[in-house]
């Protein structure tokens, strides 16, 4: 299982939000590039980058920073989300060395877009499903849609997407633990890997999440916990390495 450090970029800085609220942000570093260097040095096997300004603007706003991180760490897969609404943006990131493209709002609003890009860019498209009470949120978590998380995940699986990132937005940035029940339910409803997100606080959360690996949970994204020090990133990744189960998926 992967422990994936999150680098959320707002106005060129590395920040964390609480429940996706742009006005409730904490700056953890003036340099997202330096932060990426730090997590890679500590053994990160993948990086999770989010262009927060891009997510709210509907187009990339911090692409230069993301390109620089990809250039500095060509051997570490990067997944990027935020403001990705067209194929030109996807191509730009892939050309820069980013491995995985996360599509959120447009995936929910225009599902046909997902089927098109999943065919065009096989094994590169990840869908971000951010939910509250089982319903998917869109537009930077500012709106709740009528769509059920599991129904959408199964639909996108049929389209051929590589994986699903599942975030319980009621837990995100709140340091209250992961919603294990809903994460397991989703993982067992599809065959593609699930990456958990939202609420990771400490090693106990990772111990509980690791039990879901056989259900199809491939990794977990962590942010505030590793920045505030309630979770030691290197210790967490070491635990996952030592307790890895045989892969049931590609």
C-alpha atoms as a PDB file:
ATOM      1  CA  UNK A   1       0.000   0.000   0.000  1.00  0.00           C
ATOM      2  CA  UNK A   2       1.170   3.504  -0.837  1.00  0.00           C
ATOM      3  CA  UNK A   3       1.341   6.350   1.662  1.00  0.00           C
ATOM      4  CA  UNK A   4       0.997   9.376  -0.594  1.00  0.00           C
ATOM      5  CA  UNK A   5       1.924  12.833   0.704  1.00  0.00           C
ATOM      6  CA  UNK A   6      -0.346  15.635  -0.446  1.00  0.00           C
ATOM      7  CA  UNK A   7       1.041  18.936  -1.668  1.00  0.00           C
ATOM      8  CA  UNK A   8      -1.826  21.368  -2.074  1.00  0.00           C
ATOM      9  CA  UNK A   9      -0.793  24.530  -3.895  1.00  0.00           C
ATOM     10  CA  UNK A  10      -2.503  27.872  -3.348  1.00  0.00           C
ATOM     11  CA  UNK A  11      -1.034  31.141  -4.599  1.00  0.00           C
ATOM     12  CA  UNK A  12       2.297  29.383  -5.113  1.00  0.00           C
ATOM     13  CA  UNK A  13       2.514  28.049  -1.558  1.00  0.00           C
ATOM     14  CA  UNK A  14       2.004  24.649   0.064  1.00  0.00           C
ATOM     15  CA  UNK A  15      -1.165  24.787   2.171  1.00  0.00           C
ATOM     16  CA  UNK A  16      -3.827  22.569   3.715  1.00  0.00           C
ATOM     17  CA  UNK A  17      -7.520  23.326   3.819  1.00  0.00           C
ATOM     18  CA  UNK A  18     -10.171  22.198   6.251  1.00  0.00           C
ATOM     19  CA  UNK A  19     -13.097  20.506   4.496  1.00  0.00           C
ATOM     20  CA  UNK A  20     -12.117  22.141   1.205  1.00  0.00           C
ATOM     21  CA  UNK A  21     -12.778  25.696   2.377  1.00  0.00           C
ATOM     22  CA  UNK A  22     -10.361  28.036   0.593  1.00  0.00           C
ATOM     23  CA  UNK A  23     -10.685  30.683   3.304  1.00  0.00           C
ATOM     24  CA  UNK A  24      -9.682  28.165   5.993  1.00  0.00           C
ATOM     25  CA  UNK A  25      -6.156  27.372   4.871  1.00  0.00           C
ATOM     26  CA  UNK A  26      -2.856  26.918   6.696  1.00  0.00           C
ATOM     27  CA  UNK A  27       0.432  27.658   4.941  1.00  0.00           C
ATOM     28  CA  UNK A  28       3.020  24.963   5.660  1.00  0.00           C
ATOM     29  CA  UNK A  29       5.702  26.033   3.202  1.00  0.00           C
ATOM     30  CA  UNK A  30       6.443  28.863   0.813  1.00  0.00           C
ATOM     31  CA  UNK A  31       7.967  26.297  -1.562  1.00  0.00           C
ATOM     32  CA  UNK A  32       5.920  23.325  -2.808  1.00  0.00           C
ATOM     33  CA  UNK A  33       9.030  22.218  -4.714  1.00  0.00           C
ATOM     34  CA  UNK A  34      11.097  22.001  -1.521  1.00  0.00           C
ATOM     35  CA  UNK A  35       8.250  20.130   0.144  1.00  0.00           C
ATOM     36  CA  UNK A  36       8.192  17.606  -2.704  1.00  0.00           C
ATOM     37  CA  UNK A  37      11.950  17.161  -2.275  1.00  0.00           C
ATOM     38  CA  UNK A  38      11.422  16.451   1.425  1.00  0.00           C
ATOM     39  CA  UNK A  39       8.805  13.736   0.947  1.00  0.00           C
ATOM     40  CA  UNK A  40      10.810  12.034  -1.781  1.00  0.00           C
ATOM     41  CA  UNK A  41      13.882  12.016   0.459  1.00  0.00           C
ATOM     42  CA  UNK A  42      11.762  10.356   3.163  1.00  0.00           C
ATOM     43  CA  UNK A  43      10.791   7.563   0.793  1.00  0.00           C
ATOM     44  CA  UNK A  44       7.588   8.676  -0.929  1.00  0.00           C
ATOM     45  CA  UNK A  45       6.746   6.362  -3.831  1.00  0.00           C
ATOM     46  CA  UNK A  46       4.138   8.732  -5.262  1.00  0.00           C
ATOM     47  CA  UNK A  47       3.203  12.398  -4.834  1.00  0.00           C
ATOM     48  CA  UNK A  48      -0.306  13.849  -4.780  1.00  0.00           C
ATOM     49  CA  UNK A  49      -0.384  17.415  -6.096  1.00  0.00           C
ATOM     50  CA  UNK A  50      -3.453  19.647  -6.121  1.00  0.00           C
ATOM     51  CA  UNK A  51      -3.731  22.997  -7.866  1.00  0.00           C
ATOM     52  CA  UNK A  52      -6.268  24.537  -5.489  1.00  0.00           C
ATOM     53  CA  UNK A  53      -6.476  27.812  -7.387  1.00  0.00           C
ATOM     54  CA  UNK A  54      -7.014  25.792 -10.539  1.00  0.00           C
ATOM     55  CA  UNK A  55      -9.808  23.761  -8.944  1.00  0.00           C
ATOM     56  CA  UNK A  56     -11.785  26.903  -8.206  1.00  0.00           C
ATOM     57  CA  UNK A  57     -10.868  28.707 -11.442  1.00  0.00           C
ATOM     58  CA  UNK A  58     -11.594  25.712 -13.664  1.00  0.00           C
ATOM     59  CA  UNK A  59      -8.178  25.919 -15.322  1.00  0.00           C
ATOM     60  CA  UNK A  60      -4.539  25.410 -14.231  1.00  0.00           C
ATOM     61  CA  UNK A  61      -3.117  28.200 -12.105  1.00  0.00           C
ATOM     62  CA  UNK A  62       0.106  26.685 -10.714  1.00  0.00           C
ATOM     63  CA  UNK A  63       1.244  24.570 -13.648  1.00  0.00           C
ATOM     64  CA  UNK A  64       4.822  25.881 -13.639  1.00  0.00           C
ATOM     65  CA  UNK A  65       5.378  24.663 -10.084  1.00  0.00           C
ATOM     66  CA  UNK A  66       3.912  21.268 -10.919  1.00  0.00           C
ATOM     67  CA  UNK A  67       6.092  20.984 -14.022  1.00  0.00           C
ATOM     68  CA  UNK A  68       9.175  21.800 -11.929  1.00  0.00           C
ATOM     69  CA  UNK A  69       8.355  19.090  -9.384  1.00  0.00           C
ATOM     70  CA  UNK A  70       7.864  16.539 -12.172  1.00  0.00           C
ATOM     71  CA  UNK A  71      11.171  17.526 -13.742  1.00  0.00           C
ATOM     72  CA  UNK A  72      13.060  17.211 -10.450  1.00  0.00           C
ATOM     73  CA  UNK A  73      11.622  13.781  -9.650  1.00  0.00           C
ATOM     74  CA  UNK A  74      11.256  11.854 -12.906  1.00  0.00           C
ATOM     75  CA  UNK A  75      11.300   8.478 -11.131  1.00  0.00           C
ATOM     76  CA  UNK A  76       8.499   9.267  -8.678  1.00  0.00           C
ATOM     77  CA  UNK A  77       4.978   8.992 -10.124  1.00  0.00           C
ATOM     78  CA  UNK A  78       2.954  12.154  -9.666  1.00  0.00           C
ATOM     79  CA  UNK A  79      -0.811  12.438  -9.639  1.00  0.00           C
ATOM     80  CA  UNK A  80      -2.250  15.896 -10.233  1.00  0.00           C
ATOM     81  CA  UNK A  81      -5.716  17.323  -9.751  1.00  0.00           C
ATOM     82  CA  UNK A  82      -7.341  20.724  -9.819  1.00  0.00           C
ATOM     83  CA  UNK A  83      -8.645  22.630 -12.819  1.00  0.00           C
ATOM     84  CA  UNK A  84      -8.271  19.787 -15.314  1.00  0.00           C
ATOM     85  CA  UNK A  85     -11.237  20.256 -17.638  1.00  0.00           C
ATOM     86  CA  UNK A  86      -9.881  19.582 -21.157  1.00  0.00           C
ATOM     87  CA  UNK A  87      -7.537  17.364 -23.151  1.00  0.00           C
ATOM     88  CA  UNK A  88      -5.032  20.146 -23.744  1.00  0.00           C
ATOM     89  CA  UNK A  89      -4.419  20.380 -19.999  1.00  0.00           C
ATOM     90  CA  UNK A  90      -4.076  16.604 -19.731  1.00  0.00           C
ATOM     91  CA  UNK A  91      -1.542  16.499 -22.549  1.00  0.00           C
ATOM     92  CA  UNK A  92       0.414  19.364 -21.025  1.00  0.00           C
ATOM     93  CA  UNK A  93       0.824  17.583 -17.723  1.00  0.00           C
ATOM     94  CA  UNK A  94       1.645  14.207 -19.265  1.00  0.00           C
ATOM     95  CA  UNK A  95       4.227  15.831 -21.536  1.00  0.00           C
ATOM     96  CA  UNK A  96       5.779  17.420 -18.441  1.00  0.00           C
ATOM     97  CA  UNK A  97       6.258  14.010 -16.831  1.00  0.00           C
ATOM     98  CA  UNK A  98       3.180  13.742 -14.634  1.00  0.00           C
ATOM     99  CA  UNK A  99       1.984  10.124 -14.539  1.00  0.00           C
ATOM    100  CA  UNK A 100      -1.629  10.361 -13.413  1.00  0.00           C
ATOM    101  CA  UNK A 101      -4.338  12.914 -14.147  1.00  0.00           C
ATOM    102  CA  UNK A 102      -7.129  13.351 -11.613  1.00  0.00           C
ATOM    103  CA  UNK A 103     -10.478  14.463 -12.983  1.00  0.00           C
ATOM    104  CA  UNK A 104     -13.148  15.544 -10.545  1.00  0.00           C
ATOM    105  CA  UNK A 105     -15.864  18.069 -11.337  1.00  0.00           C
ATOM    106  CA  UNK A 106     -15.977  17.508 -15.081  1.00  0.00           C
ATOM    107  CA  UNK A 107     -16.161  13.754 -14.563  1.00  0.00           C
ATOM    108  CA  UNK A 108     -19.400  14.224 -12.629  1.00  0.00           C
ATOM    109  CA  UNK A 109     -20.858  16.914 -14.863  1.00  0.00           C
ATOM    110  CA  UNK A 110     -19.857  15.347 -18.182  1.00  0.00           C
ATOM    111  CA  UNK A 111     -19.268  11.589 -17.797  1.00  0.00           C
ATOM    112  CA  UNK A 112     -18.734  11.173 -21.563  1.00  0.00           C
ATOM    113  CA  UNK A 113     -15.542  13.225 -21.193  1.00  0.00           C
ATOM    114  CA  UNK A 114     -14.143  10.507 -18.935  1.00  0.00           C
ATOM    115  CA  UNK A 115     -14.871   7.715 -21.398  1.00  0.00           C
ATOM    116  CA  UNK A 116     -13.132   9.696 -24.139  1.00  0.00           C
ATOM    117  CA  UNK A 117      -9.943  10.480 -22.202  1.00  0.00           C
ATOM    118  CA  UNK A 118      -9.749   7.023 -20.606  1.00  0.00           C
ATOM    119  CA  UNK A 119      -9.499   5.590 -24.118  1.00  0.00           C
ATOM    120  CA  UNK A 120      -7.107   8.296 -25.308  1.00  0.00           C
ATOM    121  CA  UNK A 121      -4.794   8.092 -22.269  1.00  0.00           C
ATOM    122  CA  UNK A 122      -5.025   4.518 -20.922  1.00  0.00           C
ATOM    123  CA  UNK A 123      -3.702   3.926 -17.387  1.00  0.00           C
ATOM    124  CA  UNK A 124      -3.274   7.657 -16.822  1.00  0.00           C
ATOM    125  CA  UNK A 125      -6.758   8.757 -15.755  1.00  0.00           C
ATOM    126  CA  UNK A 126      -7.825   8.734 -12.107  1.00  0.00           C
ATOM    127  CA  UNK A 127     -11.231   9.929 -10.993  1.00  0.00           C
ATOM    128  CA  UNK A 128     -11.540  11.954  -7.801  1.00  0.00           C
ATOM    129  CA  UNK A 129     -14.833  11.283  -6.044  1.00  0.00           C
ATOM    130  CA  UNK A 130     -15.299  13.609  -3.101  1.00  0.00           C
ATOM    131  CA  UNK A 131     -18.378  12.792  -1.088  1.00  0.00           C
ATOM    132  CA  UNK A 132     -20.452  13.691   1.917  1.00  0.00           C
ATOM    133  CA  UNK A 133     -23.141  11.337   3.192  1.00  0.00           C
ATOM    134  CA  UNK A 134     -22.683   9.174   0.097  1.00  0.00           C
ATOM    135  CA  UNK A 135     -23.283  11.984  -2.405  1.00  0.00           C
ATOM    136  CA  UNK A 136     -20.569  13.375  -4.657  1.00  0.00           C
ATOM    137  CA  UNK A 137     -19.442  16.993  -4.248  1.00  0.00           C
ATOM    138  CA  UNK A 138     -18.306  19.162  -7.156  1.00  0.00           C
ATOM    139  CA  UNK A 139     -16.838  22.607  -7.899  1.00  0.00           C
ATOM    140  CA  UNK A 140     -14.168  22.537  -5.222  1.00  0.00           C
ATOM    141  CA  UNK A 141     -16.571  20.852  -2.776  1.00  0.00           C
ATOM    142  CA  UNK A 142     -18.832  23.899  -2.871  1.00  0.00           C
ATOM    143  CA  UNK A 143     -21.838  21.942  -4.170  1.00  0.00           C
ATOM    144  CA  UNK A 144     -23.331  18.517  -3.487  1.00  0.00           C
ATOM    145  CA  UNK A 145     -24.604  16.635  -6.527  1.00  0.00           C
ATOM    146  CA  UNK A 146     -27.399  14.059  -6.598  1.00  0.00           C
ATOM    147  CA  UNK A 147     -24.991  11.319  -7.680  1.00  0.00           C
ATOM    148  CA  UNK A 148     -24.255   8.282  -5.510  1.00  0.00           C
ATOM    149  CA  UNK A 149     -20.540   7.518  -5.021  1.00  0.00           C
ATOM    150  CA  UNK A 150     -20.734   3.791  -5.707  1.00  0.00           C
ATOM    151  CA  UNK A 151     -22.913   4.179  -8.795  1.00  0.00           C
ATOM    152  CA  UNK A 152     -20.490   6.697 -10.290  1.00  0.00           C
ATOM    153  CA  UNK A 153     -17.438   4.616  -9.410  1.00  0.00           C
ATOM    154  CA  UNK A 154     -18.901   1.577 -11.160  1.00  0.00           C
ATOM    155  CA  UNK A 155     -19.739   3.685 -14.195  1.00  0.00           C
ATOM    156  CA  UNK A 156     -16.202   5.054 -14.436  1.00  0.00           C
ATOM    157  CA  UNK A 157     -14.743   1.597 -13.963  1.00  0.00           C
ATOM    158  CA  UNK A 158     -16.633   0.501 -17.058  1.00  0.00           C
ATOM    159  CA  UNK A 159     -15.143   3.489 -18.891  1.00  0.00           C
ATOM    160  CA  UNK A 160     -11.662   2.142 -18.170  1.00  0.00           C
ATOM    161  CA  UNK A 161     -10.248   4.609 -15.650  1.00  0.00           C
ATOM    162  CA  UNK A 162      -7.117   3.523 -13.785  1.00  0.00           C
ATOM    163  CA  UNK A 163      -8.226   4.174 -10.192  1.00  0.00           C
ATOM    164  CA  UNK A 164     -10.549   6.146  -7.916  1.00  0.00           C
ATOM    165  CA  UNK A 165      -9.513   8.581  -5.208  1.00  0.00           C
ATOM    166  CA  UNK A 166     -12.235   8.610  -2.572  1.00  0.00           C
ATOM    167  CA  UNK A 167     -12.420  11.504  -0.140  1.00  0.00           C
ATOM    168  CA  UNK A 168     -14.911  11.859   2.674  1.00  0.00           C
ATOM    169  CA  UNK A 169     -14.982  15.651   2.783  1.00  0.00           C
ATOM    170  CA  UNK A 170     -16.510  15.728   6.247  1.00  0.00           C
ATOM    171  CA  UNK A 171     -13.232  14.192   7.480  1.00  0.00           C
ATOM    172  CA  UNK A 172     -10.737  16.037   5.259  1.00  0.00           C
ATOM    173  CA  UNK A 173      -8.313  18.217   7.194  1.00  0.00           C
ATOM    174  CA  UNK A 174     -10.209  17.579  10.433  1.00  0.00           C
ATOM    175  CA  UNK A 175      -7.825  14.954  11.902  1.00  0.00           C
ATOM    176  CA  UNK A 176     -10.732  12.737  12.939  1.00  0.00           C
ATOM    177  CA  UNK A 177      -9.737   9.458  11.332  1.00  0.00           C
ATOM    178  CA  UNK A 178     -10.637   7.845   8.014  1.00  0.00           C
ATOM    179  CA  UNK A 179     -14.162   6.728   7.157  1.00  0.00           C
ATOM    180  CA  UNK A 180     -13.154   3.075   6.988  1.00  0.00           C
ATOM    181  CA  UNK A 181     -16.636   1.681   6.485  1.00  0.00           C
ATOM    182  CA  UNK A 182     -17.495   3.717   3.398  1.00  0.00           C
ATOM    183  CA  UNK A 183     -13.990   3.274   1.961  1.00  0.00           C
ATOM    184  CA  UNK A 184     -14.220  -0.508   2.283  1.00  0.00           C
ATOM    185  CA  UNK A 185     -17.732  -0.549   0.827  1.00  0.00           C
ATOM    186  CA  UNK A 186     -16.578   1.386  -2.216  1.00  0.00           C
ATOM    187  CA  UNK A 187     -13.445  -0.749  -2.707  1.00  0.00           C
ATOM    188  CA  UNK A 188     -15.491  -3.930  -2.651  1.00  0.00           C
ATOM    189  CA  UNK A 189     -17.944  -2.502  -5.180  1.00  0.00           C
ATOM    190  CA  UNK A 190     -15.344  -2.110  -7.957  1.00  0.00           C
ATOM    191  CA  UNK A 191     -12.323  -3.992  -9.265  1.00  0.00           C
ATOM    192  CA  UNK A 192     -10.058  -1.016  -9.877  1.00  0.00           C
ATOM    193  CA  UNK A 193      -7.848   0.315  -7.060  1.00  0.00           C
ATOM    194  CA  UNK A 194      -9.209   2.784  -4.520  1.00  0.00           C
ATOM    195  CA  UNK A 195      -7.007   5.454  -2.964  1.00  0.00           C
ATOM    196  CA  UNK A 196      -8.387   6.669   0.366  1.00  0.00           C
ATOM    197  CA  UNK A 197      -8.245  10.302   1.385  1.00  0.00           C
ATOM    198  CA  UNK A 198      -9.473  12.507   4.196  1.00  0.00           C
ATOM    199  CA  UNK A 199      -9.035  12.243   7.939  1.00  0.00           C
ATOM    200  CA  UNK A 200      -5.721  10.410   8.373  1.00  0.00           C
ATOM    201  CA  UNK A 201      -4.396  11.365  11.785  1.00  0.00           C
ATOM    202  CA  UNK A 202      -1.881   8.837  13.110  1.00  0.00           C
ATOM    203  CA  UNK A 203      -0.364   5.370  12.787  1.00  0.00           C
ATOM    204  CA  UNK A 204      -3.521   3.698  14.068  1.00  0.00           C
ATOM    205  CA  UNK A 205      -5.378   5.002  10.999  1.00  0.00           C
ATOM    206  CA  UNK A 206      -2.755   3.396   8.764  1.00  0.00           C
ATOM    207  CA  UNK A 207      -2.943   0.113  10.656  1.00  0.00           C
ATOM    208  CA  UNK A 208      -6.702   0.031  10.110  1.00  0.00           C
ATOM    209  CA  UNK A 209      -6.407   1.060   6.465  1.00  0.00           C
ATOM    210  CA  UNK A 210      -3.813  -1.600   5.729  1.00  0.00           C
ATOM    211  CA  UNK A 211      -6.454  -4.200   6.585  1.00  0.00           C
ATOM    212  CA  UNK A 212      -8.414  -2.946   3.576  1.00  0.00           C
ATOM    213  CA  UNK A 213      -5.626  -3.653   1.088  1.00  0.00           C
ATOM    214  CA  UNK A 214      -7.075  -7.032   0.183  1.00  0.00           C
ATOM    215  CA  UNK A 215     -10.397  -5.292  -0.525  1.00  0.00           C
ATOM    216  CA  UNK A 216      -8.671  -3.162  -3.169  1.00  0.00           C
ATOM    217  CA  UNK A 217      -7.480  -0.078  -1.289  1.00  0.00           C
ATOM    218  CA  UNK A 218      -4.124   0.607  -2.951  1.00  0.00           C
ATOM    219  CA  UNK A 219      -3.042   3.691  -1.063  1.00  0.00           C
ATOM    220  CA  UNK A 220      -3.935   6.577   1.180  1.00  0.00           C
ATOM    221  CA  UNK A 221      -3.302  10.274   0.793  1.00  0.00           C
ATOM    222  CA  UNK A 222      -2.134  12.151   3.861  1.00  0.00           C
ATOM    223  CA  UNK A 223      -1.768  15.874   4.353  1.00  0.00           C
ATOM    224  CA  UNK A 224      -2.315  17.766   7.579  1.00  0.00           C
ATOM    225  CA  UNK A 225      -1.155  14.833   9.747  1.00  0.00           C
ATOM    226  CA  UNK A 226       2.342  14.738   8.252  1.00  0.00           C
ATOM    227  CA  UNK A 227       2.619  18.530   8.252  1.00  0.00           C
ATOM    228  CA  UNK A 228       1.528  18.939  11.870  1.00  0.00           C
ATOM    229  CA  UNK A 229       3.520  15.899  13.020  1.00  0.00           C
ATOM    230  CA  UNK A 230       0.817  13.584  14.356  1.00  0.00           C
ATOM    231  CA  UNK A 231       1.984  11.052  11.756  1.00  0.00           C
ATOM    232  CA  UNK A 232       5.606  10.292  10.933  1.00  0.00           C
ATOM    233  CA  UNK A 233       5.649   9.826   7.168  1.00  0.00           C
ATOM    234  CA  UNK A 234       8.742   7.608   7.030  1.00  0.00           C
ATOM    235  CA  UNK A 235       7.400   5.386   9.809  1.00  0.00           C
ATOM    236  CA  UNK A 236       4.060   5.062   8.044  1.00  0.00           C
ATOM    237  CA  UNK A 237       5.545   4.078   4.706  1.00  0.00           C
ATOM    238  CA  UNK A 238       7.857   1.598   6.436  1.00  0.00           C
ATOM    239  CA  UNK A 239       4.830  -0.024   8.076  1.00  0.00           C
ATOM    240  CA  UNK A 240       3.061  -0.364   4.725  1.00  0.00           C
ATOM    241  CA  UNK A 241       6.195  -1.840   3.150  1.00  0.00           C
ATOM    242  CA  UNK A 242       6.467  -4.456   5.878  1.00  0.00           C
ATOM    243  CA  UNK A 243       2.789  -5.438   5.727  1.00  0.00           C
ATOM    244  CA  UNK A 244       2.234  -5.416   1.981  1.00  0.00           C
ATOM    245  CA  UNK A 245      -0.088  -8.115   0.668  1.00  0.00           C
ATOM    246  CA  UNK A 246       0.194  -9.756  -2.789  1.00  0.00           C
ATOM    247  CA  UNK A 247      -1.364  -7.485  -5.412  1.00  0.00           C
ATOM    248  CA  UNK A 248      -4.752  -8.550  -6.658  1.00  0.00           C
ATOM    249  CA  UNK A 249      -4.761  -5.820  -9.284  1.00  0.00           C
ATOM    250  CA  UNK A 250      -2.392  -4.266 -11.794  1.00  0.00           C
END
